Every structure is written in structure tokens, then in C-alpha cells.
Amino acid sequence: MTDKFENLKSEVSDCTKCSLSSTRNKVVFGGGNPDAEIFV
């Protein structure tokens, strides 16, 4: 699951699908168990 989390983090950081991408400064991912069954 850790690889999936890293892939998601990378995908979100590089996303330009909406106008929010033009004004964002940082993409913030929290901590926790990367192998959790549920992400919030």
C-alpha cells in the first residue's frame, strides 16, 4: 500500500485538471499508517 500512497501523492502534486492547480503553493499529505484500509 505504501507504493500506492506515494503514487497518489505524486499524482495529486502534478495534477492540473482544475483551476486550483494554478494557485496552489503546496500539496499537504498527512501522516499515519500508509497501510490503513481507509484514507480520509
N, C-alpha and C. Protein backbone atom coordinates (compact mmCIF):
# COMPACT_ATOMS: atom_id res chain seq x y z
N MET A 1 0.82 -1.19 0.00
CA MET A 1 0.00 0.00 0.00
C MET A 1 0.86 1.25 0.00
N THR A 2 2.06 1.18 0.54
CA THR A 2 2.94 2.34 0.59
C THR A 2 3.23 2.88 -0.80
N ASP A 3 3.45 1.99 -1.76
CA ASP A 3 3.70 2.44 -3.14
C ASP A 3 2.50 3.16 -3.71
N LYS A 4 1.30 2.67 -3.41
CA LYS A 4 0.08 3.32 -3.90
C LYS A 4 -0.05 4.71 -3.30
N PHE A 5 0.29 4.85 -2.02
CA PHE A 5 0.21 6.15 -1.36
C PHE A 5 1.20 7.13 -2.00
N GLU A 6 2.40 6.69 -2.26
CA GLU A 6 3.40 7.54 -2.90
C GLU A 6 2.97 7.92 -4.32
N ASN A 7 2.38 6.97 -5.04
CA ASN A 7 1.87 7.27 -6.38
C ASN A 7 0.75 8.29 -6.33
N LEU A 8 -0.15 8.16 -5.36
CA LEU A 8 -1.24 9.11 -5.20
C LEU A 8 -0.70 10.50 -4.87
N LYS A 9 0.26 10.55 -3.98
CA LYS A 9 0.87 11.83 -3.59
C LYS A 9 1.51 12.51 -4.81
N SER A 10 2.21 11.76 -5.61
CA SER A 10 2.84 12.29 -6.81
C SER A 10 1.81 12.75 -7.83
N GLU A 11 0.77 11.95 -8.00
CA GLU A 11 -0.28 12.27 -8.97
C GLU A 11 -1.01 13.56 -8.57
N VAL A 12 -1.32 13.71 -7.29
CA VAL A 12 -2.00 14.91 -6.81
C VAL A 12 -1.09 16.13 -6.94
N SER A 13 0.16 15.98 -6.63
CA SER A 13 1.11 17.10 -6.71
C SER A 13 1.27 17.62 -8.13
N ASP A 14 1.16 16.73 -9.11
CA ASP A 14 1.35 17.12 -10.51
C ASP A 14 0.04 17.43 -11.25
N CYS A 15 -1.08 17.31 -10.56
CA CYS A 15 -2.39 17.45 -11.21
C CYS A 15 -2.66 18.89 -11.66
N THR A 16 -3.18 19.02 -12.88
CA THR A 16 -3.57 20.33 -13.41
C THR A 16 -4.97 20.26 -14.02
N LYS A 17 -5.81 19.36 -13.52
CA LYS A 17 -7.14 19.14 -14.09
C LYS A 17 -8.15 20.23 -13.76
N CYS A 18 -7.84 21.09 -12.80
CA CYS A 18 -8.78 22.18 -12.48
C CYS A 18 -7.99 23.46 -12.20
N SER A 19 -8.72 24.55 -12.05
CA SER A 19 -8.07 25.86 -11.86
C SER A 19 -7.35 25.99 -10.52
N LEU A 20 -7.65 25.13 -9.56
CA LEU A 20 -6.95 25.20 -8.28
C LEU A 20 -5.45 24.98 -8.44
N SER A 21 -5.06 24.25 -9.44
CA SER A 21 -3.64 23.96 -9.65
C SER A 21 -2.83 25.20 -9.97
N SER A 22 -3.46 26.22 -10.52
CA SER A 22 -2.71 27.44 -10.89
C SER A 22 -2.41 28.34 -9.70
N THR A 23 -3.10 28.13 -8.58
CA THR A 23 -2.89 28.99 -7.42
C THR A 23 -2.35 28.25 -6.19
N ARG A 24 -2.20 26.96 -6.28
CA ARG A 24 -1.72 26.23 -5.09
C ARG A 24 -0.23 26.46 -4.89
N ASN A 25 0.15 26.48 -3.63
CA ASN A 25 1.55 26.63 -3.26
C ASN A 25 2.14 25.30 -2.80
N LYS A 26 1.31 24.52 -2.13
CA LYS A 26 1.79 23.26 -1.57
C LYS A 26 0.67 22.23 -1.62
N VAL A 27 1.04 20.99 -1.73
CA VAL A 27 0.11 19.89 -1.55
C VAL A 27 0.50 19.23 -0.25
N VAL A 28 -0.44 19.14 0.67
CA VAL A 28 -0.13 18.65 2.01
C VAL A 28 -0.72 17.26 2.22
N PHE A 29 0.14 16.32 2.51
CA PHE A 29 -0.29 14.98 2.88
C PHE A 29 0.06 14.78 4.34
N GLY A 30 -0.85 14.18 5.07
CA GLY A 30 -0.64 13.95 6.49
C GLY A 30 0.16 12.70 6.74
N GLY A 31 0.27 12.39 8.00
CA GLY A 31 0.98 11.20 8.41
C GLY A 31 0.01 10.11 8.79
N GLY A 32 0.53 9.03 9.22
CA GLY A 32 -0.32 7.92 9.63
C GLY A 32 0.15 6.63 9.02
N ASN A 33 -0.65 5.64 9.20
CA ASN A 33 -0.33 4.31 8.72
C ASN A 33 -0.58 4.23 7.21
N PRO A 34 0.45 4.09 6.41
CA PRO A 34 0.26 4.01 4.96
C PRO A 34 -0.44 2.72 4.52
N ASP A 35 -0.56 1.76 5.43
CA ASP A 35 -1.23 0.50 5.11
C ASP A 35 -2.66 0.46 5.64
N ALA A 36 -3.20 1.60 6.07
CA ALA A 36 -4.57 1.65 6.57
C ALA A 36 -5.55 1.31 5.45
N GLU A 37 -6.68 0.74 5.83
CA GLU A 37 -7.69 0.38 4.83
C GLU A 37 -8.46 1.60 4.34
N ILE A 38 -8.51 2.66 5.14
CA ILE A 38 -9.28 3.85 4.80
C ILE A 38 -8.41 5.08 4.92
N PHE A 39 -8.48 5.96 3.90
CA PHE A 39 -7.81 7.26 3.95
C PHE A 39 -8.89 8.33 4.00
N VAL A 40 -8.69 9.34 4.84
CA VAL A 40 -9.65 10.44 4.94
C VAL A 40 -8.97 11.72 4.55
